[in-house]
């Protein structure tokens, strides 16, 4: 769903989606595939050793910790605002 939303926003804002180098397309593909494959395989593996509740909590802390590190390392204030939004949505979502 996120990819579809990003595509719609890119098309509506006029961002060019073609004309990049083959190396750029390769790295975009790697950015999409590697986390997807490693993430899903990793979650499937650890589900055999930990409860699904624990894994869900740990996966949620990744979002929060990345926002905190973004603020501390790069002084990225928007990371803190994004974290507040994500925490709010996660708290009210079933």
Foldseek 3Di string as FASTA:
>chain_A
DVVVVVVVVCVVVVPDPDDDDPVVVVVVVCVPPVCVVCVVVVVVVCVVPDPPVVVVVVVLVVLVVVLVCCCVVVVDPVSVVVNVVVVVCVVPPD
